[in-house]
Amino acid sequence: MTDAISTYLQSCKDLAAATERATETSGSIDTQARRKAYQTLTELGDQVRLAQRRLVTAAKQARRVMPVAEIEEVAKKLDKRDTTESAAVLVKAALVN
């Protein structure tokens, strides 16, 4: 469970950093640099979605051996963000279904 959350958080951080770089590059006249930045964003976006799926799967598997409240607490401790993309929100949504 913690590995899935850590991977998800790192993927989100990587995507945020790439987004900043792409924003800076967007004003460039170098089309190759813009293309590479877009490709990087696409790849990292795919990684974030894969990490989300793995996190949801890990939460559902953890539900078999851990109480739901404990699973949610682990997610809240590891991801302190208060956004709809936080690990805690994803875990809670996965455990409701």
Foldseek 3Di string as FASTA:
>chain_A
DVVLQVQLVVLVVQLVVLVVVLVVCVPPPPVVSNVVSVVSNVVSVVSNVVSLVVLLVVLVVVVVPDPLVVSLVSQCVNWVDDDCSGSSNSSVVSVVD
